[in-house]
Structure formats: structure tokens, C-alpha cells
PDB file of N, CA and C in Angstrom:
ATOM      1  N   MET A   1      26.732  34.277  23.395  1.00  0.00           N
ATOM      2  CA  MET A   1      25.842  33.771  22.384  1.00  0.00           C
ATOM      3  C   MET A   1      25.529  32.306  22.713  1.00  0.00           C
ATOM      4  N   LEU A   2      24.277  31.960  22.626  1.00  0.00           N
ATOM      5  CA  LEU A   2      23.862  30.584  22.895  1.00  0.00           C
ATOM      6  C   LEU A   2      23.954  29.758  21.619  1.00  0.00           C
ATOM      7  N   GLU A   3      24.502  28.573  21.748  1.00  0.00           N
ATOM      8  CA  GLU A   3      24.600  27.683  20.591  1.00  0.00           C
ATOM      9  C   GLU A   3      23.473  26.675  20.651  1.00  0.00           C
ATOM     10  N   ARG A   4      22.980  26.352  19.542  1.00  0.00           N
ATOM     11  CA  ARG A   4      21.891  25.383  19.457  1.00  0.00           C
ATOM     12  C   ARG A   4      22.464  23.977  19.524  1.00  0.00           C
ATOM     13  N   GLN A   5      21.851  23.160  20.379  1.00  0.00           N
ATOM     14  CA  GLN A   5      22.307  21.785  20.504  1.00  0.00           C
ATOM     15  C   GLN A   5      21.759  20.953  19.358  1.00  0.00           C
ATOM     16  N   ASN A   6      22.504  19.923  19.009  1.00  0.00           N
ATOM     17  CA  ASN A   6      22.034  19.012  17.971  1.00  0.00           C
ATOM     18  C   ASN A   6      21.041  18.039  18.583  1.00  0.00           C
ATOM     19  N   THR A   7      19.764  18.264  18.331  1.00  0.00           N
ATOM     20  CA  THR A   7      18.727  17.360  18.823  1.00  0.00           C
ATOM     21  C   THR A   7      18.175  16.587  17.637  1.00  0.00           C
ATOM     22  N   PRO A   8      17.905  15.295  17.838  1.00  0.00           N
ATOM     23  CA  PRO A   8      17.388  14.514  16.725  1.00  0.00           C
ATOM     24  C   PRO A   8      15.965  14.941  16.358  1.00  0.00           C
ATOM     25  N   SER A   9      15.593  14.728  15.113  1.00  0.00           N
ATOM     26  CA  SER A   9      14.250  15.064  14.670  1.00  0.00           C
ATOM     27  C   SER A   9      13.257  14.092  15.302  1.00  0.00           C
ATOM     28  N   GLY A  10      11.979  14.320  15.072  1.00  0.00           N
ATOM     29  CA  GLY A  10      10.941  13.512  15.702  1.00  0.00           C
ATOM     30  C   GLY A  10      11.055  12.029  15.386  1.00  0.00           C
ATOM     31  N   ALA A  11      11.239  11.686  14.117  1.00  0.00           N
ATOM     32  CA  ALA A  11      11.315  10.277  13.728  1.00  0.00           C
ATOM     33  C   ALA A  11      12.596   9.632  14.247  1.00  0.00           C
ATOM     34  N   ALA A  12      13.700  10.361  14.206  1.00  0.00           N
ATOM     35  CA  ALA A  12      14.955   9.799  14.698  1.00  0.00           C
ATOM     36  C   ALA A  12      14.907   9.608  16.209  1.00  0.00           C
ATOM     37  N   ALA A  13      14.265  10.558  16.921  1.00  0.00           N
ATOM     38  CA  ALA A  13      14.123  10.422  18.371  1.00  0.00           C
ATOM     39  C   ALA A  13      13.238   9.229  18.703  1.00  0.00           C
ATOM     40  N   MET A  14      12.197   9.020  17.916  1.00  0.00           N
ATOM     41  CA  MET A  14      11.303   7.885  18.150  1.00  0.00           C
ATOM     42  C   MET A  14      12.046   6.568  17.980  1.00  0.00           C
ATOM     43  N   LEU A  15      12.881   6.475  16.965  1.00  0.00           N
ATOM     44  CA  LEU A  15      13.660   5.258  16.752  1.00  0.00           C
ATOM     45  C   LEU A  15      14.686   5.080  17.873  1.00  0.00           C
ATOM     46  N   LYS A  16      15.244   6.183  18.344  1.00  0.00           N
ATOM     47  CA  LYS A  16      16.212   6.123  19.452  1.00  0.00           C
ATOM     48  C   LYS A  16      15.535   5.602  20.718  1.00  0.00           C
ATOM     49  N   TYR A  17      14.337   6.112  21.016  1.00  0.00           N
ATOM     50  CA  TYR A  17      13.612   5.647  22.198  1.00  0.00           C
ATOM     51  C   TYR A  17      13.155   4.199  22.058  1.00  0.00           C
ATOM     52  N   ALA A  18      12.789   3.783  20.835  1.00  0.00           N
ATOM     53  CA  ALA A  18      12.416   2.381  20.619  1.00  0.00           C
ATOM     54  C   ALA A  18      13.596   1.468  20.927  1.00  0.00           C
ATOM     55  N   ALA A  19      14.786   1.842  20.485  1.00  0.00           N
ATOM     56  CA  ALA A  19      15.983   1.038  20.775  1.00  0.00           C
ATOM     57  C   ALA A  19      16.299   1.059  22.266  1.00  0.00           C
ATOM     58  N   LEU A  20      16.108   2.220  22.912  1.00  0.00           N
ATOM     59  CA  LEU A  20      16.354   2.331  24.343  1.00  0.00           C
ATOM     60  C   LEU A  20      15.415   1.420  25.143  1.00  0.00           C
ATOM     61  N   PHE A  21      14.135   1.408  24.796  1.00  0.00           N
ATOM     62  CA  PHE A  21      13.186   0.550  25.503  1.00  0.00           C
ATOM     63  C   PHE A  21      13.435  -0.927  25.187  1.00  0.00           C
ATOM     64  N   LEU A  22      13.923  -1.236  24.002  1.00  0.00           N
ATOM     65  CA  LEU A  22      14.264  -2.624  23.680  1.00  0.00           C
ATOM     66  C   LEU A  22      15.423  -3.096  24.556  1.00  0.00           C
ATOM     67  N   ILE A  23      16.435  -2.263  24.703  1.00  0.00           N
ATOM     68  CA  ILE A  23      17.581  -2.623  25.564  1.00  0.00           C
ATOM     69  C   ILE A  23      17.128  -2.742  27.019  1.00  0.00           C
ATOM     70  N   LEU A  24      16.266  -1.826  27.458  1.00  0.00           N
ATOM     71  CA  LEU A  24      15.726  -1.892  28.811  1.00  0.00           C
ATOM     72  C   LEU A  24      14.929  -3.172  29.028  1.00  0.00           C
ATOM     73  N   SER A  25      14.166  -3.567  28.018  1.00  0.00           N
ATOM     74  CA  SER A  25      13.394  -4.806  28.111  1.00  0.00           C
ATOM     75  C   SER A  25      14.297  -6.024  28.219  1.00  0.00           C
ATOM     76  N   ILE A  26      15.367  -6.052  27.453  1.00  0.00           N
ATOM     77  CA  ILE A  26      16.301  -7.190  27.504  1.00  0.00           C
ATOM     78  C   ILE A  26      16.991  -7.268  28.861  1.00  0.00           C
ATOM     79  N   ILE A  27      17.442  -6.119  29.377  1.00  0.00           N
ATOM     80  CA  ILE A  27      18.119  -6.103  30.678  1.00  0.00           C
ATOM     81  C   ILE A  27      17.153  -6.488  31.796  1.00  0.00           C
ATOM     82  N   ALA A  28      15.932  -5.936  31.779  1.00  0.00           N
ATOM     83  CA  ALA A  28      14.959  -6.254  32.822  1.00  0.00           C
ATOM     84  C   ALA A  28      14.549  -7.719  32.764  1.00  0.00           C
ATOM     85  N   GLY A  29      14.423  -8.254  31.578  1.00  0.00           N
ATOM     86  CA  GLY A  29      14.073  -9.667  31.440  1.00  0.00           C
ATOM     87  C   GLY A  29      15.171 -10.581  31.941  1.00  0.00           C
ATOM     88  N   SER A  30      16.407 -10.188  31.698  1.00  0.00           N
ATOM     89  CA  SER A  30      17.522 -11.031  32.156  1.00  0.00           C
ATOM     90  C   SER A  30      17.703 -10.979  33.673  1.00  0.00           C
ATOM     91  N   LEU A  31      17.268  -9.877  34.294  1.00  0.00           N
ATOM     92  CA  LEU A  31      17.368  -9.758  35.749  1.00  0.00           C
ATOM     93  C   LEU A  31      16.141 -10.327  36.473  1.00  0.00           C
ATOM     94  N   GLY A  32      15.130 -10.751  35.724  1.00  0.00           N
ATOM     95  CA  GLY A  32      13.957 -11.366  36.330  1.00  0.00           C
ATOM     96  C   GLY A  32      12.788 -10.432  36.542  1.00  0.00           C
ATOM     97  N   PHE A  33      12.893  -9.179  36.135  1.00  0.00           N
ATOM     98  CA  PHE A  33      11.771  -8.244  36.266  1.00  0.00           C
ATOM     99  C   PHE A  33      10.867  -8.393  35.031  1.00  0.00           C
ATOM    100  N   LEU A  34      10.013  -9.413  35.065  1.00  0.00           N
ATOM    101  CA  LEU A  34       9.240  -9.747  33.864  1.00  0.00           C
ATOM    102  C   LEU A  34       8.185  -8.697  33.542  1.00  0.00           C
ATOM    103  N   THR A  35       7.573  -8.098  34.541  1.00  0.00           N
ATOM    104  CA  THR A  35       6.552  -7.080  34.277  1.00  0.00           C
ATOM    105  C   THR A  35       7.174  -5.850  33.621  1.00  0.00           C
ATOM    106  N   VAL A  36       8.295  -5.411  34.155  1.00  0.00           N
ATOM    107  CA  VAL A  36       9.000  -4.263  33.565  1.00  0.00           C
ATOM    108  C   VAL A  36       9.449  -4.609  32.150  1.00  0.00           C
ATOM    109  N   SER A  37       9.900  -5.840  31.961  1.00  0.00           N
ATOM    110  CA  SER A  37      10.357  -6.277  30.645  1.00  0.00           C
ATOM    111  C   SER A  37       9.216  -6.255  29.630  1.00  0.00           C
ATOM    112  N   ARG A  38       8.038  -6.729  30.039  1.00  0.00           N
ATOM    113  CA  ARG A  38       6.890  -6.749  29.110  1.00  0.00           C
ATOM    114  C   ARG A  38       6.447  -5.339  28.747  1.00  0.00           C
ATOM    115  N   VAL A  39       6.400  -4.473  29.747  1.00  0.00           N
ATOM    116  CA  VAL A  39       5.987  -3.090  29.482  1.00  0.00           C
ATOM    117  C   VAL A  39       6.986  -2.403  28.551  1.00  0.00           C
ATOM    118  N   ALA A  40       8.269  -2.567  28.826  1.00  0.00           N
ATOM    119  CA  ALA A  40       9.290  -1.941  27.979  1.00  0.00           C
ATOM    120  C   ALA A  40       9.258  -2.516  26.572  1.00  0.00           C
ATOM    121  N   ARG A  41       9.010  -3.822  26.458  1.00  0.00           N
ATOM    122  CA  ARG A  41       8.928  -4.438  25.134  1.00  0.00           C
ATOM    123  C   ARG A  41       7.739  -3.882  24.360  1.00  0.00           C
ATOM    124  N   ASN A  42       6.580  -3.743  25.024  1.00  0.00           N
ATOM    125  CA  ASN A  42       5.395  -3.214  24.340  1.00  0.00           C
ATOM    126  C   ASN A  42       5.606  -1.769  23.901  1.00  0.00           C
ATOM    127  N   ILE A  43       6.237  -0.974  24.745  1.00  0.00           N
ATOM    128  CA  ILE A  43       6.527   0.417  24.357  1.00  0.00           C
ATOM    129  C   ILE A  43       7.491   0.440  23.170  1.00  0.00           C
ATOM    130  N   SER A  44       8.493  -0.423  23.209  1.00  0.00           N
ATOM    131  CA  SER A  44       9.465  -0.481  22.118  1.00  0.00           C
ATOM    132  C   SER A  44       8.804  -0.886  20.803  1.00  0.00           C
ATOM    133  N   LEU A  45       7.928  -1.890  20.851  1.00  0.00           N
ATOM    134  CA  LEU A  45       7.243  -2.324  19.631  1.00  0.00           C
ATOM    135  C   LEU A  45       6.307  -1.246  19.098  1.00  0.00           C
ATOM    136  N   ALA A  46       5.612  -0.556  20.003  1.00  0.00           N
ATOM    137  CA  ALA A  46       4.705   0.507  19.560  1.00  0.00           C
ATOM    138  C   ALA A  46       5.472   1.647  18.900  1.00  0.00           C
ATOM    139  N   LEU A  47       6.564   2.074  19.518  1.00  0.00           N
ATOM    140  CA  LEU A  47       7.352   3.169  18.939  1.00  0.00           C
ATOM    141  C   LEU A  47       7.965   2.768  17.596  1.00  0.00           C
ATOM    142  N   PHE A  48       8.450   1.529  17.507  1.00  0.00           N
ATOM    143  CA  PHE A  48       9.024   1.092  16.233  1.00  0.00           C
ATOM    144  C   PHE A  48       7.948   0.998  15.154  1.00  0.00           C
ATOM    145  N   GLY A  49       6.756   0.525  15.533  1.00  0.00           N
ATOM    146  CA  GLY A  49       5.658   0.447  14.559  1.00  0.00           C
ATOM    147  C   GLY A  49       5.265   1.816  14.041  1.00  0.00           C
ATOM    148  N   ILE A  50       5.168   2.785  14.951  1.00  0.00           N
ATOM    149  CA  ILE A  50       4.833   4.149  14.531  1.00  0.00           C
ATOM    150  C   ILE A  50       5.931   4.711  13.630  1.00  0.00           C
ATOM    151  N   PHE A  51       7.185   4.476  13.997  1.00  0.00           N
ATOM    152  CA  PHE A  51       8.306   4.931  13.167  1.00  0.00           C
ATOM    153  C   PHE A  51       8.238   4.309  11.774  1.00  0.00           C
ATOM    154  N   LEU A  52       7.933   3.008  11.705  1.00  0.00           N
ATOM    155  CA  LEU A  52       7.881   2.318  10.420  1.00  0.00           C
ATOM    156  C   LEU A  52       6.767   2.870   9.534  1.00  0.00           C
ATOM    157  N   VAL A  53       5.604   3.122  10.124  1.00  0.00           N
ATOM    158  CA  VAL A  53       4.488   3.683   9.350  1.00  0.00           C
ATOM    159  C   VAL A  53       4.847   5.069   8.817  1.00  0.00           C
ATOM    160  N   ILE A  54       5.453   5.896   9.664  1.00  0.00           N
ATOM    161  CA  ILE A  54       5.850   7.238   9.227  1.00  0.00           C
ATOM    162  C   ILE A  54       6.908   7.155   8.122  1.00  0.00           C
ATOM    163  N   ALA A  55       7.880   6.259   8.281  1.00  0.00           N
ATOM    164  CA  ALA A  55       8.938   6.124   7.267  1.00  0.00           C
ATOM    165  C   ALA A  55       8.359   5.658   5.931  1.00  0.00           C
ATOM    166  N   LEU A  56       7.431   4.708   5.957  1.00  0.00           N
ATOM    167  CA  LEU A  56       6.818   4.243   4.707  1.00  0.00           C
ATOM    168  C   LEU A  56       5.961   5.333   4.066  1.00  0.00           C
ATOM    169  N   ALA A  57       5.249   6.104   4.876  1.00  0.00           N
ATOM    170  CA  ALA A  57       4.433   7.195   4.338  1.00  0.00           C
ATOM    171  C   ALA A  57       5.306   8.254   3.675  1.00  0.00           C
ATOM    172  N   VAL A  58       6.417   8.596   4.311  1.00  0.00           N
ATOM    173  CA  VAL A  58       7.324   9.598   3.732  1.00  0.00           C
ATOM    174  C   VAL A  58       7.943   9.070   2.434  1.00  0.00           C
ATOM    175  N   ALA A  59       8.344   7.794   2.439  1.00  0.00           N
ATOM    176  CA  ALA A  59       8.924   7.216   1.215  1.00  0.00           C
ATOM    177  C   ALA A  59       7.894   7.202   0.085  1.00  0.00           C
ATOM    178  N   GLY A  60       6.662   6.827   0.394  1.00  0.00           N
ATOM    179  CA  GLY A  60       5.604   6.844  -0.626  1.00  0.00           C
ATOM    180  C   GLY A  60       5.334   8.239  -1.142  1.00  0.00           C
ATOM    181  N   PHE A  61       5.339   9.214  -0.250  1.00  0.00           N
ATOM    182  CA  PHE A  61       5.132  10.597  -0.665  1.00  0.00           C
ATOM    183  C   PHE A  61       6.224  11.057  -1.613  1.00  0.00           C
ATOM    184  N   PHE A  62       7.470  10.722  -1.303  1.00  0.00           N
ATOM    185  CA  PHE A  62       8.566  11.143  -2.173  1.00  0.00           C
ATOM    186  C   PHE A  62       8.535  10.430  -3.519  1.00  0.00           C
ATOM    187  N   ILE A  63       8.098   9.183  -3.545  1.00  0.00           N
ATOM    188  CA  ILE A  63       7.966   8.477  -4.827  1.00  0.00           C
ATOM    189  C   ILE A  63       6.898   9.145  -5.676  1.00  0.00           C
ATOM    190  N   LEU A  64       5.734   9.472  -5.074  1.00  0.00           N
ATOM    191  CA  LEU A  64       4.678  10.156  -5.816  1.00  0.00           C
ATOM    192  C   LEU A  64       5.133  11.540  -6.272  1.00  0.00           C
ATOM    193  N   LEU A  65       5.864  12.235  -5.420  1.00  0.00           N
ATOM    194  CA  LEU A  65       6.364  13.560  -5.780  1.00  0.00           C
ATOM    195  C   LEU A  65       7.344  13.485  -6.949  1.00  0.00           C
ATOM    196  N   GLU A  66       8.205  12.474  -6.940  1.00  0.00           N
ATOM    197  CA  GLU A  66       9.160  12.310  -8.035  1.00  0.00           C
ATOM    198  C   GLU A  66       8.443  12.003  -9.345  1.00  0.00           C
ATOM    199  N   ARG A  67       7.436  11.135  -9.275  1.00  0.00           N
ATOM    200  CA  ARG A  67       6.679  10.813 -10.493  1.00  0.00           C
ATOM    201  C   ARG A  67       5.932  12.032 -11.021  1.00  0.00           C
ATOM    202  N   ALA A  68       5.367  12.823 -10.122  1.00  0.00           N
ATOM    203  CA  ALA A  68       4.604  14.001 -10.545  1.00  0.00           C
ATOM    204  C   ALA A  68       5.504  15.041 -11.203  1.00  0.00           C
ATOM    205  N   THR A  69       6.703  15.199 -10.672  1.00  0.00           N
ATOM    206  CA  THR A  69       7.599  16.195 -11.256  1.00  0.00           C
ATOM    207  C   THR A  69       8.270  15.680 -12.521  1.00  0.00           C
ATOM    208  N   ALA A  70       8.343  14.361 -12.695  1.00  0.00           N
ATOM    209  CA  ALA A  70       8.949  13.798 -13.904  1.00  0.00           C
ATOM    210  C   ALA A  70       7.934  13.651 -15.031  1.00  0.00           C
ATOM    211  N   GLY A  71       6.660  13.883 -14.752  1.00  0.00           N
ATOM    212  CA  GLY A  71       5.633  13.789 -15.784  1.00  0.00           C
ATOM    213  C   GLY A  71       5.191  12.376 -16.073  1.00  0.00           C
ATOM    214  N   GLU A  72       5.428  11.449 -15.160  1.00  0.00           N
ATOM    215  CA  GLU A  72       5.042  10.062 -15.396  1.00  0.00           C
ATOM    216  C   GLU A  72       3.592   9.789 -15.031  1.00  0.00           C
ATOM    217  N   MET A  73       2.946  10.700 -14.347  1.00  0.00           N
ATOM    218  CA  MET A  73       1.570  10.467 -13.913  1.00  0.00           C
ATOM    219  C   MET A  73       0.610  11.045 -14.941  1.00  0.00           C
ATOM    220  N   GLY A  74       0.577  10.497 -16.110  1.00  0.00           N
ATOM    221  CA  GLY A  74      -0.309  10.965 -17.159  1.00  0.00           C
ATOM    222  C   GLY A  74      -1.741  10.602 -16.835  1.00  0.00           C
ATOM    223  N   PRO A  75      -2.624  10.734 -17.825  1.00  0.00           N
ATOM    224  CA  PRO A  75      -4.015  10.383 -17.574  1.00  0.00           C
ATOM    225  C   PRO A  75      -4.147   8.893 -17.263  1.00  0.00           C
ATOM    226  N   ALA A  76      -5.154   8.570 -16.504  1.00  0.00           N
ATOM    227  CA  ALA A  76      -5.379   7.177 -16.102  1.00  0.00           C
ATOM    228  C   ALA A  76      -5.717   6.332 -17.327  1.00  0.00           C
ATOM    229  N   LYS A  77      -5.101   5.181 -17.403  1.00  0.00           N
ATOM    230  CA  LYS A  77      -5.360   4.281 -18.518  1.00  0.00           C
ATOM    231  C   LYS A  77      -6.315   3.188 -18.057  1.00  0.00           C
ATOM    232  N   PRO A  78      -7.290   2.820 -18.891  1.00  0.00           N
ATOM    233  CA  PRO A  78      -8.208   1.764 -18.467  1.00  0.00           C
ATOM    234  C   PRO A  78      -7.465   0.438 -18.343  1.00  0.00           C
ATOM    235  N   SER A  79      -7.791  -0.303 -17.308  1.00  0.00           N
ATOM    236  CA  SER A  79      -7.094  -1.561 -17.075  1.00  0.00           C
ATOM    237  C   SER A  79      -7.637  -2.688 -17.949  1.00  0.00           C
ATOM    238  N   SER A  80      -8.872  -2.582 -18.391  1.00  0.00           N
ATOM    239  CA  SER A  80      -9.442  -3.615 -19.244  1.00  0.00           C
ATOM    240  C   SER A  80     -10.314  -2.946 -20.301  1.00  0.00           C
ATOM    241  N   PRO A  81     -10.529  -3.626 -21.424  1.00  0.00           N
ATOM    242  CA  PRO A  81     -11.362  -3.022 -22.466  1.00  0.00           C
ATOM    243  C   PRO A  81     -12.819  -2.942 -22.013  1.00  0.00           C
ATOM    244  N   PRO A  82     -13.571  -2.000 -22.552  1.00  0.00           N
ATOM    245  CA  PRO A  82     -14.982  -1.892 -22.187  1.00  0.00           C
ATOM    246  C   PRO A  82     -15.751  -3.159 -22.525  1.00  0.00           C
ATOM    247  N   LEU A  83     -16.864  -3.363 -21.844  1.00  0.00           N
ATOM    248  CA  LEU A  83     -17.668  -4.568 -22.030  1.00  0.00           C
ATOM    249  C   LEU A  83     -18.191  -4.678 -23.461  1.00  0.00           C
ATOM    250  N   ILE A  84     -18.560  -3.557 -24.077  1.00  0.00           N
ATOM    251  CA  ILE A  84     -19.075  -3.581 -25.449  1.00  0.00           C
ATOM    252  C   ILE A  84     -18.018  -4.132 -26.402  1.00  0.00           C
ATOM    253  N   THR A  85     -16.777  -3.732 -26.232  1.00  0.00           N
ATOM    254  CA  THR A  85     -15.695  -4.215 -27.090  1.00  0.00           C
ATOM    255  C   THR A  85     -15.485  -5.706 -26.898  1.00  0.00           C
ATOM    256  N   MET A  86     -15.587  -6.178 -25.673  1.00  0.00           N
ATOM    257  CA  MET A  86     -15.408  -7.609 -25.417  1.00  0.00           C
ATOM    258  C   MET A  86     -16.529  -8.427 -26.051  1.00  0.00           C
ATOM    259  N   ILE A  87     -17.760  -7.930 -25.969  1.00  0.00           N
ATOM    260  CA  ILE A  87     -18.893  -8.651 -26.567  1.00  0.00           C
ATOM    261  C   ILE A  87     -18.763  -8.648 -28.089  1.00  0.00           C
ATOM    262  N   ALA A  88     -18.332  -7.529 -28.659  1.00  0.00           N
ATOM    263  CA  ALA A  88     -18.176  -7.456 -30.113  1.00  0.00           C
ATOM    264  C   ALA A  88     -17.096  -8.412 -30.589  1.00  0.00           C
ATOM    265  N   ALA A  89     -16.069  -8.642 -29.786  1.00  0.00           N
ATOM    266  CA  ALA A  89     -15.015  -9.567 -30.166  1.00  0.00           C
ATOM    267  C   ALA A  89     -15.506 -11.008 -30.123  1.00  0.00           C
ATOM    268  N   LEU A  90     -16.501 -11.304 -29.289  1.00  0.00           N
ATOM    269  CA  LEU A  90     -17.036 -12.659 -29.188  1.00  0.00           C
ATOM    270  C   LEU A  90     -18.030 -12.982 -30.296  1.00  0.00           C
ATOM    271  N   THR A  91     -18.678 -11.967 -30.858  1.00  0.00           N
ATOM    272  CA  THR A  91     -19.690 -12.197 -31.884  1.00  0.00           C
ATOM    273  C   THR A  91     -19.015 -12.479 -33.230  1.00  0.00           C
ATOM    274  N   PRO A  92     -19.371 -13.601 -33.865  1.00  0.00           N
ATOM    275  CA  PRO A  92     -18.785 -13.871 -35.189  1.00  0.00           C
ATOM    276  C   PRO A  92     -19.227 -12.819 -36.203  1.00  0.00           C
ATOM    277  N   PRO A  93     -18.373 -12.494 -37.167  1.00  0.00           N
ATOM    278  CA  PRO A  93     -18.709 -11.433 -38.126  1.00  0.00           C
ATOM    279  C   PRO A  93     -19.902 -11.773 -39.010  1.00  0.00           C
ATOM    280  N   ASP A  94     -20.189 -13.056 -39.274  1.00  0.00           N
ATOM    281  CA  ASP A  94     -21.296 -13.404 -40.165  1.00  0.00           C
ATOM    282  C   ASP A  94     -22.604 -13.617 -39.414  1.00  0.00           C
ATOM    283  N   ALA A  95     -22.635 -13.488 -38.112  1.00  0.00           N
ATOM    284  CA  ALA A  95     -23.857 -13.681 -37.339  1.00  0.00           C
ATOM    285  C   ALA A  95     -24.742 -12.453 -37.476  1.00  0.00           C
ATOM    286  N   PRO A  96     -26.036 -12.663 -37.590  1.00  0.00           N
ATOM    287  CA  PRO A  96     -26.944 -11.509 -37.673  1.00  0.00           C
ATOM    288  C   PRO A  96     -27.028 -10.829 -36.311  1.00  0.00           C
ATOM    289  N   PRO A  97     -27.239  -9.521 -36.298  1.00  0.00           N
ATOM    290  CA  PRO A  97     -27.357  -8.824 -35.020  1.00  0.00           C
ATOM    291  C   PRO A  97     -28.612  -9.287 -34.289  1.00  0.00           C
ATOM    292  N   PRO A  98     -28.600  -9.297 -32.996  1.00  0.00           N
ATOM    293  CA  PRO A  98     -29.796  -9.719 -32.262  1.00  0.00           C
ATOM    294  C   PRO A  98     -30.936  -8.766 -32.539  1.00  0.00           C
ATOM    295  N   SER A  99     -32.130  -9.329 -32.705  1.00  0.00           N
ATOM    296  CA  SER A  99     -33.284  -8.496 -33.049  1.00  0.00           C
ATOM    297  C   SER A  99     -34.120  -8.235 -31.804  1.00  0.00           C
ATOM    298  N   GLY A 100     -34.743  -7.083 -31.771  1.00  0.00           N
ATOM    299  CA  GLY A 100     -35.636  -6.736 -30.669  1.00  0.00           C
ATOM    300  C   GLY A 100     -34.876  -6.409 -29.396  1.00  0.00           C
ATOM    301  N   SER A 101     -35.658  -6.101 -28.393  1.00  0.00           N
ATOM    302  CA  SER A 101     -35.037  -5.727 -27.138  1.00  0.00           C
ATOM    303  C   SER A 101     -34.807  -6.931 -26.239  1.00  0.00           C
ATOM    304  N   GLY A 102     -35.282  -8.122 -26.632  1.00  0.00           N
ATOM    305  CA  GLY A 102     -35.144  -9.294 -25.786  1.00  0.00           C
ATOM    306  C   GLY A 102     -33.952 -10.147 -26.159  1.00  0.00           C
ATOM    307  N   ALA A 103     -32.832  -9.560 -26.525  1.00  0.00           N
ATOM    308  CA  ALA A 103     -31.642 -10.323 -26.881  1.00  0.00           C
ATOM    309  C   ALA A 103     -31.087 -10.999 -25.636  1.00  0.00           C
ATOM    310  N   ARG A 104     -30.732 -12.270 -25.795  1.00  0.00           N
ATOM    311  CA  ARG A 104     -30.201 -13.029 -24.672  1.00  0.00           C
ATOM    312  C   ARG A 104     -28.676 -13.100 -24.788  1.00  0.00           C
ATOM    313  N   ALA A 105     -28.046 -13.431 -23.670  1.00  0.00           N
ATOM    314  CA  ALA A 105     -26.588 -13.519 -23.646  1.00  0.00           C
ATOM    315  C   ALA A 105     -26.108 -14.625 -24.565  1.00  0.00           C
ATOM    316  N   ARG A 106     -26.858 -15.723 -24.687  1.00  0.00           N
ATOM    317  CA  ARG A 106     -26.416 -16.818 -25.557  1.00  0.00           C
ATOM    318  C   ARG A 106     -26.435 -16.404 -27.023  1.00  0.00           C
ATOM    319  N   ASP A 107     -27.255 -15.391 -27.369  1.00  0.00           N
ATOM    320  CA  ASP A 107     -27.276 -14.906 -28.749  1.00  0.00           C
ATOM    321  C   ASP A 107     -26.011 -14.113 -29.074  1.00  0.00           C
ATOM    322  N   LEU A 108     -25.346 -13.585 -28.056  1.00  0.00           N
ATOM    323  CA  LEU A 108     -24.156 -12.777 -28.278  1.00  0.00           C
ATOM    324  C   LEU A 108     -22.875 -13.603 -28.313  1.00  0.00           C
ATOM    325  N   LEU A 109     -22.915 -14.820 -27.773  1.00  0.00           N
ATOM    326  CA  LEU A 109     -21.729 -15.651 -27.721  1.00  0.00           C
ATOM    327  C   LEU A 109     -21.542 -16.410 -29.026  1.00  0.00           C
ATOM    328  N   PRO A 110     -20.306 -16.732 -29.393  1.00  0.00           N
ATOM    329  CA  PRO A 110     -20.081 -17.477 -30.637  1.00  0.00           C
ATOM    330  C   PRO A 110     -20.636 -18.908 -30.503  1.00  0.00           C
ATOM    331  N   MET A 111     -21.098 -19.394 -31.645  1.00  0.00           N
ATOM    332  CA  MET A 111     -21.680 -20.755 -31.637  1.00  0.00           C
ATOM    333  C   MET A 111     -20.569 -21.775 -31.760  1.00  0.00           C
ATOM    334  N   ARG A 112     -20.733 -22.893 -31.056  1.00  0.00           N
ATOM    335  CA  ARG A 112     -19.762 -23.973 -31.155  1.00  0.00           C
ATOM    336  C   ARG A 112     -20.032 -24.810 -32.374  1.00  0.00           C
ATOM    337  N   ARG A 113     -19.003 -25.183 -33.029  1.00  0.00           N
ATOM    338  CA  ARG A 113     -19.176 -26.052 -34.209  1.00  0.00           C
ATOM    339  C   ARG A 113     -18.856 -27.469 -33.810  1.00  0.00           C
ATOM    340  N   SER A 114     -19.778 -28.364 -34.082  1.00  0.00           N
ATOM    341  CA  SER A 114     -19.589 -29.760 -33.705  1.00  0.00           C
ATOM    342  C   SER A 114     -18.952 -30.561 -34.790  1.00  0.00           C
TER     343      SER A 114
END
């Protein structure tokens, strides 16, 4: 019977290779092989960047999944009151409503008392 070997998953293998290329870059740089060191460093940074993006995407997905299953994602709430409500709050209660269709913005704002 053949036994299955323990192989790391895709993200874990990517992080393993990023660390391997980082160590290779340090050793090559210390021995004076600057071109090999730069190439290994760039590969290491690229693999780590890809790993980081995947890890953040998975973490974000699990946070959204947890919120969805906990019922926290209710209907969207407006972030600010509608413009009509804001204008109505600025108009003094004793001011007459603007007449006609040519109402100006200054007619809607409260008057300053001197």
C-alpha cells in the first residue's frame, strides 16, 4: 500500500520557497554573487507579496463569511441624511416657503441676525 506524503499546501509552499530564496539571496550576496543575489531577492519578494495578498484575501473572506452567518450584515444603512432633510433643518420654522420655481439657495438658508 502506498502512503501519501505530507506535502504543504499551495500557500504554505509559496511561503517556504520565499524563505528559501531569501536565504539563497543572503548567501549569494555574502559570497559576492550580486547578480544571483538580486535575482533571488526579487523572486523572494514576489513570492512573499503573492502569499500576503492571498492570506489577506482569505482572511477577508472568512470575516465576511462569519458576519453573514451571524446575521450582522443587515440592510445597508445610509451614511448621511438625505439632502431634503438637511435643507429642512436649515430653514427656520417661521420663514415662508420659497415661492415659484425660481427659489435660490440663499432663500433656503437661515438668516443671520445682526
